[in-house]
Amino acid sequence: MHEKFKQLRKQLLEQEWPAVYFFKFISPSDPETLAKVTALFEDQGTLSLRPSKNGNFISVSVKEVMMSADDVIDVYVKAAQIKGVISL
């Protein structure tokens, strides 16, 4: 596991699960990449999209009930594999 995720996992384990977790990503605004990012989440999550000023990127914010710290890490690992996506 990447060092960044080890530290995040340690912090997440201090919380009680299941819990609502807030994810935020910056995605290129092309439809294919945006579809890959939104596909990381279930339909019951609250999704918010906000385009950048010049329209090249979209801020993707999602609140979703996660069952464990490992479930949160899994989303970040999958997002890291999508070209051009930045996790915040």
Protein backbone atom coordinates (compact mmCIF):
# COMPACT_ATOMS: atom_id res chain seq x y z
CA MET A 1 0.00 0.00 0.00
CA HIS A 2 1.29 3.46 -0.91
CA GLU A 3 2.58 5.52 2.04
CA LYS A 4 -0.11 8.17 1.49
CA PHE A 5 -2.82 5.56 1.92
CA LYS A 6 -1.18 4.06 5.02
CA GLN A 7 -1.40 7.41 6.79
CA LEU A 8 -4.97 7.97 5.64
CA ARG A 9 -5.95 4.46 6.77
CA LYS A 10 -4.48 5.13 10.20
CA GLN A 11 -6.57 8.29 10.49
CA LEU A 12 -9.70 6.57 9.22
CA LEU A 13 -9.38 3.73 11.72
CA GLU A 14 -9.88 6.28 14.50
CA GLN A 15 -13.46 6.82 13.31
CA GLU A 16 -16.49 4.63 13.90
CA TRP A 17 -17.80 2.75 10.88
CA PRO A 18 -20.12 2.72 8.99
CA ALA A 19 -19.98 6.48 8.46
CA VAL A 20 -20.70 9.13 5.85
CA TYR A 21 -17.44 10.02 4.10
CA PHE A 22 -16.81 13.08 1.93
CA PHE A 23 -14.73 12.46 -1.20
CA LYS A 24 -13.42 15.21 -3.47
CA PHE A 25 -11.67 14.79 -6.81
CA ILE A 26 -10.59 17.03 -9.66
CA SER A 27 -11.25 15.40 -13.03
CA PRO A 28 -10.56 16.43 -16.60
CA SER A 29 -13.91 17.49 -18.05
CA ASP A 30 -14.01 14.87 -20.80
CA PRO A 31 -17.09 12.64 -20.49
CA GLU A 32 -15.19 9.33 -20.43
CA THR A 33 -12.99 10.30 -17.47
CA LEU A 34 -15.90 11.85 -15.61
CA ALA A 35 -17.93 8.64 -16.11
CA LYS A 36 -15.08 6.58 -14.63
CA VAL A 37 -14.94 8.82 -11.55
CA THR A 38 -18.70 8.81 -10.94
CA ALA A 39 -18.80 5.02 -11.46
CA LEU A 40 -16.71 4.64 -8.28
CA PHE A 41 -19.82 5.44 -6.23
CA GLU A 42 -23.19 3.87 -5.55
CA ASP A 43 -26.43 5.54 -6.64
CA GLN A 44 -27.37 6.42 -3.07
CA GLY A 45 -24.39 8.76 -2.67
CA THR A 46 -24.83 12.54 -2.96
CA LEU A 47 -22.89 13.69 -6.01
CA SER A 48 -22.02 17.30 -6.84
CA LEU A 49 -20.23 18.45 -10.00
CA ARG A 50 -18.73 21.91 -10.44
CA PRO A 51 -16.88 22.94 -13.60
CA SER A 52 -13.71 25.01 -13.37
CA LYS A 53 -13.71 28.61 -14.53
CA ASN A 54 -12.28 27.74 -17.95
CA GLY A 55 -14.16 24.43 -18.24
CA ASN A 56 -11.13 22.15 -18.54
CA PHE A 57 -11.74 20.42 -15.20
CA ILE A 58 -14.65 19.41 -13.02
CA SER A 59 -14.69 19.23 -9.24
CA VAL A 60 -16.44 16.02 -8.17
CA SER A 61 -17.70 15.95 -4.58
CA VAL A 62 -19.44 12.89 -3.16
CA LYS A 63 -20.90 12.09 0.25
CA GLU A 64 -21.52 8.38 0.66
CA VAL A 65 -22.01 5.93 3.50
CA MET A 66 -18.90 3.77 3.70
CA MET A 67 -18.78 0.56 5.70
CA SER A 68 -15.10 0.67 6.71
CA ALA A 69 -11.80 2.50 6.40
CA ASP A 70 -10.70 -0.09 3.85
CA ASP A 71 -13.72 0.71 1.66
CA VAL A 72 -12.64 4.37 1.62
CA ILE A 73 -9.07 3.41 0.70
CA ASP A 74 -10.37 1.16 -2.10
CA VAL A 75 -12.12 4.16 -3.70
CA TYR A 76 -8.92 6.23 -3.54
CA VAL A 77 -6.83 3.40 -5.01
CA LYS A 78 -9.27 3.00 -7.92
CA ALA A 79 -9.40 6.77 -8.48
CA ALA A 80 -5.59 6.92 -8.58
CA GLN A 81 -5.69 4.57 -11.58
CA ILE A 82 -7.83 6.98 -13.63
CA LYS A 83 -5.57 9.14 -15.79
CA GLY A 84 -5.68 12.84 -14.93
CA VAL A 85 -7.75 12.53 -11.73
CA ILE A 86 -6.49 14.26 -8.59
CA SER A 87 -7.71 13.18 -5.14
CA LEU A 88 -8.10 15.93 -2.58
